[in-house]
Amino acid sequence: MNDTNETRLNTTAQLRASLWGTLEVRFQSIRNDIERYGFIVGVLGRFAYPRLGRTDKGVPIRYPARLLSLAVFRDSPA
């Protein structure tokens, strides 16, 4: 299994692999809404969201939503 830093994901194929669980990704925790918004904007900008084709546009949207939802569960008290 590949292990990569989140910022090194540069293709929608890599994002898909990450979403499907075939690519292990390390990322730093997000502490507040400002950092959360910055992360989302960064992902959309890195993948040039407005220029993506219709079939690829859903991937950069699902990716931060998935990571942020996982972070919420990880950081919540047991």
PDB file of N, CA and C in Angstrom:
ATOM      1  N   MET A   1       0.848  -1.179   0.000  1.00  0.00           N
ATOM      2  CA  MET A   1       0.000   0.000   0.000  1.00  0.00           C
ATOM      3  C   MET A   1       0.892   1.240   0.000  1.00  0.00           C
ATOM      4  N   ASN A   2       0.595   2.181  -0.841  1.00  0.00           N
ATOM      5  CA  ASN A   2       1.350   3.424  -0.890  1.00  0.00           C
ATOM      6  C   ASN A   2       1.006   4.289   0.301  1.00  0.00           C
ATOM      7  N   ASP A   3       1.980   5.056   0.772  1.00  0.00           N
ATOM      8  CA  ASP A   3       1.778   5.986   1.879  1.00  0.00           C
ATOM      9  C   ASP A   3       2.236   7.343   1.387  1.00  0.00           C
ATOM     10  N   THR A   4       1.367   8.312   1.369  1.00  0.00           N
ATOM     11  CA  THR A   4       1.728   9.607   0.829  1.00  0.00           C
ATOM     12  C   THR A   4       1.137  10.730   1.664  1.00  0.00           C
ATOM     13  N   ASN A   5       1.746  11.893   1.576  1.00  0.00           N
ATOM     14  CA  ASN A   5       1.228  13.082   2.224  1.00  0.00           C
ATOM     15  C   ASN A   5       0.051  13.571   1.397  1.00  0.00           C
ATOM     16  N   GLU A   6      -0.983  14.061   2.035  1.00  0.00           N
ATOM     17  CA  GLU A   6      -2.203  14.495   1.356  1.00  0.00           C
ATOM     18  C   GLU A   6      -1.909  15.517   0.266  1.00  0.00           C
ATOM     19  N   THR A   7      -0.961  16.405   0.496  1.00  0.00           N
ATOM     20  CA  THR A   7      -0.690  17.459  -0.485  1.00  0.00           C
ATOM     21  C   THR A   7      -0.026  16.934  -1.751  1.00  0.00           C
ATOM     22  N   ARG A   8       0.404  15.689  -1.756  1.00  0.00           N
ATOM     23  CA  ARG A   8       1.032  15.107  -2.953  1.00  0.00           C
ATOM     24  C   ARG A   8       0.030  14.416  -3.872  1.00  0.00           C
ATOM     25  N   LEU A   9      -1.222  14.408  -3.492  1.00  0.00           N
ATOM     26  CA  LEU A   9      -2.257  13.863  -4.371  1.00  0.00           C
ATOM     27  C   LEU A   9      -2.541  14.917  -5.435  1.00  0.00           C
ATOM     28  N   ASN A  10      -2.241  14.604  -6.682  1.00  0.00           N
ATOM     29  CA  ASN A  10      -2.356  15.599  -7.739  1.00  0.00           C
ATOM     30  C   ASN A  10      -3.259  15.201  -8.893  1.00  0.00           C
ATOM     31  N   THR A  11      -3.799  14.007  -8.859  1.00  0.00           N
ATOM     32  CA  THR A  11      -4.691  13.587  -9.944  1.00  0.00           C
ATOM     33  C   THR A  11      -5.990  13.073  -9.354  1.00  0.00           C
ATOM     34  N   THR A  12      -7.036  13.133 -10.150  1.00  0.00           N
ATOM     35  CA  THR A  12      -8.313  12.601  -9.671  1.00  0.00           C
ATOM     36  C   THR A  12      -8.219  11.092  -9.478  1.00  0.00           C
ATOM     37  N   ALA A  13      -7.343  10.421 -10.227  1.00  0.00           N
ATOM     38  CA  ALA A  13      -7.153   8.975 -10.033  1.00  0.00           C
ATOM     39  C   ALA A  13      -6.574   8.701  -8.640  1.00  0.00           C
ATOM     40  N   GLN A  14      -5.643   9.523  -8.186  1.00  0.00           N
ATOM     41  CA  GLN A  14      -5.096   9.354  -6.842  1.00  0.00           C
ATOM     42  C   GLN A  14      -6.164   9.624  -5.783  1.00  0.00           C
ATOM     43  N   LEU A  15      -7.008  10.635  -6.015  1.00  0.00           N
ATOM     44  CA  LEU A  15      -8.099  10.912  -5.069  1.00  0.00           C
ATOM     45  C   LEU A  15      -9.064   9.736  -5.006  1.00  0.00           C
ATOM     46  N   ARG A  16      -9.400   9.188  -6.155  1.00  0.00           N
ATOM     47  CA  ARG A  16     -10.296   8.023  -6.172  1.00  0.00           C
ATOM     48  C   ARG A  16      -9.690   6.873  -5.380  1.00  0.00           C
ATOM     49  N   ALA A  17      -8.395   6.619  -5.580  1.00  0.00           N
ATOM     50  CA  ALA A  17      -7.719   5.537  -4.852  1.00  0.00           C
ATOM     51  C   ALA A  17      -7.766   5.796  -3.355  1.00  0.00           C
ATOM     52  N   SER A  18      -7.606   7.033  -2.961  1.00  0.00           N
ATOM     53  CA  SER A  18      -7.674   7.381  -1.550  1.00  0.00           C
ATOM     54  C   SER A  18      -9.077   7.163  -0.997  1.00  0.00           C
ATOM     55  N   LEU A  19     -10.083   7.576  -1.756  1.00  0.00           N
ATOM     56  CA  LEU A  19     -11.470   7.393  -1.324  1.00  0.00           C
ATOM     57  C   LEU A  19     -11.850   5.921  -1.226  1.00  0.00           C
ATOM     58  N   TRP A  20     -11.314   5.095  -2.111  1.00  0.00           N
ATOM     59  CA  TRP A  20     -11.612   3.661  -2.108  1.00  0.00           C
ATOM     60  C   TRP A  20     -10.785   2.906  -1.088  1.00  0.00           C
ATOM     61  N   GLY A  21      -9.841   3.585  -0.455  1.00  0.00           N
ATOM     62  CA  GLY A  21      -9.044   2.936   0.581  1.00  0.00           C
ATOM     63  C   GLY A  21      -7.858   2.166   0.059  1.00  0.00           C
ATOM     64  N   THR A  22      -7.479   2.356  -1.201  1.00  0.00           N
ATOM     65  CA  THR A  22      -6.334   1.641  -1.738  1.00  0.00           C
ATOM     66  C   THR A  22      -5.058   2.468  -1.676  1.00  0.00           C
ATOM     67  N   LEU A  23      -5.171   3.697  -1.214  1.00  0.00           N
ATOM     68  CA  LEU A  23      -4.012   4.564  -1.068  1.00  0.00           C
ATOM     69  C   LEU A  23      -4.053   5.164   0.327  1.00  0.00           C
ATOM     70  N   GLU A  24      -3.059   4.864   1.139  1.00  0.00           N
ATOM     71  CA  GLU A  24      -3.003   5.391   2.494  1.00  0.00           C
ATOM     72  C   GLU A  24      -2.476   6.816   2.455  1.00  0.00           C
ATOM     73  N   VAL A  25      -3.177   7.719   3.128  1.00  0.00           N
ATOM     74  CA  VAL A  25      -2.819   9.129   3.097  1.00  0.00           C
ATOM     75  C   VAL A  25      -2.666   9.645   4.518  1.00  0.00           C
ATOM     76  N   ARG A  26      -1.596  10.392   4.746  1.00  0.00           N
ATOM     77  CA  ARG A  26      -1.398  11.070   6.030  1.00  0.00           C
ATOM     78  C   ARG A  26      -1.808  12.527   5.873  1.00  0.00           C
ATOM     79  N   PHE A  27      -2.499  13.071   6.860  1.00  0.00           N
ATOM     80  CA  PHE A  27      -2.838  14.480   6.827  1.00  0.00           C
ATOM     81  C   PHE A  27      -2.833  15.028   8.238  1.00  0.00           C
ATOM     82  N   GLN A  28      -2.634  16.341   8.340  1.00  0.00           N
ATOM     83  CA  GLN A  28      -2.605  16.983   9.642  1.00  0.00           C
ATOM     84  C   GLN A  28      -4.030  17.280  10.096  1.00  0.00           C
ATOM     85  N   SER A  29      -4.218  17.296  11.418  1.00  0.00           N
ATOM     86  CA  SER A  29      -5.558  17.567  11.924  1.00  0.00           C
ATOM     87  C   SER A  29      -5.921  19.031  11.691  1.00  0.00           C
ATOM     88  N   ILE A  30      -7.201  19.276  11.564  1.00  0.00           N
ATOM     89  CA  ILE A  30      -7.728  20.618  11.338  1.00  0.00           C
ATOM     90  C   ILE A  30      -8.388  21.056  12.627  1.00  0.00           C
ATOM     91  N   ARG A  31      -7.977  22.232  13.112  1.00  0.00           N
ATOM     92  CA  ARG A  31      -8.393  22.657  14.445  1.00  0.00           C
ATOM     93  C   ARG A  31      -9.623  23.548  14.489  1.00  0.00           C
ATOM     94  N   ASN A  32      -9.975  24.190  13.383  1.00  0.00           N
ATOM     95  CA  ASN A  32     -11.107  25.111  13.444  1.00  0.00           C
ATOM     96  C   ASN A  32     -11.728  25.288  12.056  1.00  0.00           C
ATOM     97  N   ASP A  33     -12.799  26.063  11.986  1.00  0.00           N
ATOM     98  CA  ASP A  33     -13.518  26.253  10.726  1.00  0.00           C
ATOM     99  C   ASP A  33     -12.675  26.961   9.676  1.00  0.00           C
ATOM    100  N   ILE A  34     -11.816  27.877  10.088  1.00  0.00           N
ATOM    101  CA  ILE A  34     -10.974  28.596   9.130  1.00  0.00           C
ATOM    102  C   ILE A  34     -10.015  27.622   8.441  1.00  0.00           C
ATOM    103  N   GLU A  35      -9.390  26.739   9.212  1.00  0.00           N
ATOM    104  CA  GLU A  35      -8.500  25.739   8.623  1.00  0.00           C
ATOM    105  C   GLU A  35      -9.280  24.757   7.742  1.00  0.00           C
ATOM    106  N   ARG A  36     -10.481  24.400   8.164  1.00  0.00           N
ATOM    107  CA  ARG A  36     -11.329  23.481   7.392  1.00  0.00           C
ATOM    108  C   ARG A  36     -11.662  24.100   6.035  1.00  0.00           C
ATOM    109  N   TYR A  37     -12.070  25.370   6.038  1.00  0.00           N
ATOM    110  CA  TYR A  37     -12.391  26.063   4.796  1.00  0.00           C
ATOM    111  C   TYR A  37     -11.144  26.160   3.911  1.00  0.00           C
ATOM    112  N   GLY A  38     -10.006  26.491   4.512  1.00  0.00           N
ATOM    113  CA  GLY A  38      -8.763  26.580   3.753  1.00  0.00           C
ATOM    114  C   GLY A  38      -8.381  25.263   3.112  1.00  0.00           C
ATOM    115  N   PHE A  39      -8.606  24.165   3.828  1.00  0.00           N
ATOM    116  CA  PHE A  39      -8.312  22.838   3.283  1.00  0.00           C
ATOM    117  C   PHE A  39      -9.181  22.554   2.063  1.00  0.00           C
ATOM    118  N   ILE A  40     -10.466  22.826   2.177  1.00  0.00           N
ATOM    119  CA  ILE A  40     -11.389  22.570   1.072  1.00  0.00           C
ATOM    120  C   ILE A  40     -11.024  23.423  -0.140  1.00  0.00           C
ATOM    121  N   VAL A  41     -10.780  24.716   0.080  1.00  0.00           N
ATOM    122  CA  VAL A  41     -10.405  25.613  -1.014  1.00  0.00           C
ATOM    123  C   VAL A  41      -9.088  25.162  -1.641  1.00  0.00           C
ATOM    124  N   GLY A  42      -8.144  24.715  -0.810  1.00  0.00           N
ATOM    125  CA  GLY A  42      -6.861  24.238  -1.326  1.00  0.00           C
ATOM    126  C   GLY A  42      -7.010  23.021  -2.215  1.00  0.00           C
ATOM    127  N   VAL A  43      -7.841  22.072  -1.792  1.00  0.00           N
ATOM    128  CA  VAL A  43      -8.064  20.865  -2.601  1.00  0.00           C
ATOM    129  C   VAL A  43      -8.713  21.239  -3.927  1.00  0.00           C
ATOM    130  N   LEU A  44      -9.750  22.058  -3.888  1.00  0.00           N
ATOM    131  CA  LEU A  44     -10.435  22.442  -5.129  1.00  0.00           C
ATOM    132  C   LEU A  44      -9.503  23.225  -6.049  1.00  0.00           C
ATOM    133  N   GLY A  45      -8.668  24.081  -5.472  1.00  0.00           N
ATOM    134  CA  GLY A  45      -7.714  24.839  -6.275  1.00  0.00           C
ATOM    135  C   GLY A  45      -6.628  23.959  -6.863  1.00  0.00           C
ATOM    136  N   ARG A  46      -6.121  23.029  -6.079  1.00  0.00           N
ATOM    137  CA  ARG A  46      -5.047  22.139  -6.535  1.00  0.00           C
ATOM    138  C   ARG A  46      -5.500  21.300  -7.722  1.00  0.00           C
ATOM    139  N   PHE A  47      -6.767  20.951  -7.755  1.00  0.00           N
ATOM    140  CA  PHE A  47      -7.281  20.131  -8.848  1.00  0.00           C
ATOM    141  C   PHE A  47      -7.985  20.955  -9.920  1.00  0.00           C
ATOM    142  N   ALA A  48      -7.830  22.279  -9.879  1.00  0.00           N
ATOM    143  CA  ALA A  48      -8.430  23.169 -10.885  1.00  0.00           C
ATOM    144  C   ALA A  48      -9.887  22.788 -11.126  1.00  0.00           C
ATOM    145  N   TYR A  49     -10.643  22.764 -10.044  1.00  0.00           N
ATOM    146  CA  TYR A  49     -12.030  22.300 -10.068  1.00  0.00           C
ATOM    147  C   TYR A  49     -12.863  22.869 -11.226  1.00  0.00           C
ATOM    148  N   PRO A  50     -12.813  24.185 -11.507  1.00  0.00           N
ATOM    149  CA  PRO A  50     -13.654  24.705 -12.592  1.00  0.00           C
ATOM    150  C   PRO A  50     -13.313  24.109 -13.959  1.00  0.00           C
ATOM    151  N   ARG A  51     -12.080  23.650 -14.153  1.00  0.00           N
ATOM    152  CA  ARG A  51     -11.667  23.114 -15.449  1.00  0.00           C
ATOM    153  C   ARG A  51     -11.852  21.604 -15.572  1.00  0.00           C
ATOM    154  N   LEU A  52     -12.261  20.935 -14.496  1.00  0.00           N
ATOM    155  CA  LEU A  52     -12.450  19.482 -14.565  1.00  0.00           C
ATOM    156  C   LEU A  52     -13.677  19.137 -15.403  1.00  0.00           C
ATOM    157  N   GLY A  53     -13.612  17.981 -16.008  1.00  0.00           N
ATOM    158  CA  GLY A  53     -14.772  17.491 -16.742  1.00  0.00           C
ATOM    159  C   GLY A  53     -15.862  17.045 -15.778  1.00  0.00           C
ATOM    160  N   ARG A  54     -17.039  16.884 -16.298  1.00  0.00           N
ATOM    161  CA  ARG A  54     -18.196  16.542 -15.470  1.00  0.00           C
ATOM    162  C   ARG A  54     -17.979  15.260 -14.653  1.00  0.00           C
ATOM    163  N   THR A  55     -17.365  14.254 -15.243  1.00  0.00           N
ATOM    164  CA  THR A  55     -17.179  12.984 -14.536  1.00  0.00           C
ATOM    165  C   THR A  55     -16.166  13.090 -13.401  1.00  0.00           C
ATOM    166  N   ASP A  56     -15.259  14.059 -13.467  1.00  0.00           N
ATOM    167  CA  ASP A  56     -14.233  14.191 -12.433  1.00  0.00           C
ATOM    168  C   ASP A  56     -14.589  15.192 -11.338  1.00  0.00           C
ATOM    169  N   LYS A  57     -15.581  16.025 -11.531  1.00  0.00           N
ATOM    170  CA  LYS A  57     -15.883  17.081 -10.555  1.00  0.00           C
ATOM    171  C   LYS A  57     -16.320  16.555  -9.196  1.00  0.00           C
ATOM    172  N   GLY A  58     -16.939  15.410  -9.144  1.00  0.00           N
ATOM    173  CA  GLY A  58     -17.407  14.891  -7.861  1.00  0.00           C
ATOM    174  C   GLY A  58     -16.284  14.411  -6.958  1.00  0.00           C
ATOM    175  N   VAL A  59     -15.165  14.037  -7.545  1.00  0.00           N
ATOM    176  CA  VAL A  59     -14.063  13.468  -6.753  1.00  0.00           C
ATOM    177  C   VAL A  59     -13.470  14.497  -5.795  1.00  0.00           C
ATOM    178  N   PRO A  60     -13.080  15.702  -6.251  1.00  0.00           N
ATOM    179  CA  PRO A  60     -12.525  16.667  -5.300  1.00  0.00           C
ATOM    180  C   PRO A  60     -13.548  17.190  -4.290  1.00  0.00           C
ATOM    181  N   ILE A  61     -14.825  17.007  -4.561  1.00  0.00           N
ATOM    182  CA  ILE A  61     -15.854  17.390  -3.589  1.00  0.00           C
ATOM    183  C   ILE A  61     -15.983  16.310  -2.512  1.00  0.00           C
ATOM    184  N   ARG A  62     -16.012  15.050  -2.923  1.00  0.00           N
ATOM    185  CA  ARG A  62     -16.152  13.952  -1.958  1.00  0.00           C
ATOM    186  C   ARG A  62     -14.921  13.791  -1.077  1.00  0.00           C
ATOM    187  N   TYR A  63     -13.739  14.062  -1.640  1.00  0.00           N
ATOM    188  CA  TYR A  63     -12.498  13.830  -0.914  1.00  0.00           C
ATOM    189  C   TYR A  63     -12.411  14.635   0.391  1.00  0.00           C
ATOM    190  N   PRO A  64     -12.518  15.983   0.378  1.00  0.00           N
ATOM    191  CA  PRO A  64     -12.445  16.693   1.660  1.00  0.00           C
ATOM    192  C   PRO A  64     -13.605  16.350   2.585  1.00  0.00           C
ATOM    193  N   ALA A  65     -14.788  16.108   2.021  1.00  0.00           N
ATOM    194  CA  ALA A  65     -15.926  15.745   2.868  1.00  0.00           C
ATOM    195  C   ALA A  65     -15.637  14.451   3.611  1.00  0.00           C
ATOM    196  N   ARG A  66     -15.056  13.498   2.936  1.00  0.00           N
ATOM    197  CA  ARG A  66     -14.725  12.207   3.569  1.00  0.00           C
ATOM    198  C   ARG A  66     -13.653  12.375   4.637  1.00  0.00           C
ATOM    199  N   LEU A  67     -12.581  13.106   4.304  1.00  0.00           N
ATOM    200  CA  LEU A  67     -11.511  13.299   5.278  1.00  0.00           C
ATOM    201  C   LEU A  67     -11.990  14.071   6.495  1.00  0.00           C
ATOM    202  N   LEU A  68     -12.780  15.095   6.261  1.00  0.00           N
ATOM    203  CA  LEU A  68     -13.252  15.900   7.384  1.00  0.00           C
ATOM    204  C   LEU A  68     -14.219  15.114   8.249  1.00  0.00           C
ATOM    205  N   SER A  69     -15.040  14.262   7.663  1.00  0.00           N
ATOM    206  CA  SER A  69     -15.952  13.454   8.477  1.00  0.00           C
ATOM    207  C   SER A  69     -15.161  12.424   9.283  1.00  0.00           C
ATOM    208  N   LEU A  70     -14.099  11.875   8.719  1.00  0.00           N
ATOM    209  CA  LEU A  70     -13.264  10.944   9.466  1.00  0.00           C
ATOM    210  C   LEU A  70     -12.572  11.654  10.622  1.00  0.00           C
ATOM    211  N   ALA A  71     -12.136  12.891  10.389  1.00  0.00           N
ATOM    212  CA  ALA A  71     -11.465  13.659  11.437  1.00  0.00           C
ATOM    213  C   ALA A  71     -12.422  13.961  12.585  1.00  0.00           C
ATOM    214  N   VAL A  72     -13.686  14.210  12.272  1.00  0.00           N
ATOM    215  CA  VAL A  72     -14.671  14.481  13.322  1.00  0.00           C
ATOM    216  C   VAL A  72     -14.825  13.256  14.213  1.00  0.00           C
ATOM    217  N   PHE A  73     -14.922  12.068  13.614  1.00  0.00           N
ATOM    218  CA  PHE A  73     -15.065  10.847  14.410  1.00  0.00           C
ATOM    219  C   PHE A  73     -13.807  10.550  15.200  1.00  0.00           C
ATOM    220  N   ARG A  74     -12.634  10.803  14.618  1.00  0.00           N
ATOM    221  CA  ARG A  74     -11.384  10.537  15.296  1.00  0.00           C
ATOM    222  C   ARG A  74     -11.201  11.450  16.508  1.00  0.00           C
ATOM    223  N   ASP A  75     -11.615  12.712  16.378  1.00  0.00           N
ATOM    224  CA  ASP A  75     -11.399  13.694  17.433  1.00  0.00           C
ATOM    225  C   ASP A  75     -12.518  13.743  18.464  1.00  0.00           C
ATOM    226  N   SER A  76     -13.621  13.026  18.233  1.00  0.00           N
ATOM    227  CA  SER A  76     -14.726  13.069  19.178  1.00  0.00           C
ATOM    228  C   SER A  76     -14.426  12.200  20.402  1.00  0.00           C
ATOM    229  N   PRO A  77     -14.944  12.603  21.564  1.00  0.00           N
ATOM    230  CA  PRO A  77     -14.709  11.796  22.763  1.00  0.00           C
ATOM    231  C   PRO A  77     -15.430  10.444  22.671  1.00  0.00           C
ATOM    232  N   ALA A  78     -14.836   9.440  23.220  1.00  0.00           N
ATOM    233  CA  ALA A  78     -15.410   8.095  23.160  1.00  0.00           C
ATOM    234  C   ALA A  78     -16.509   7.899  24.168  1.00  0.00           C
TER     235      ALA A  78
END
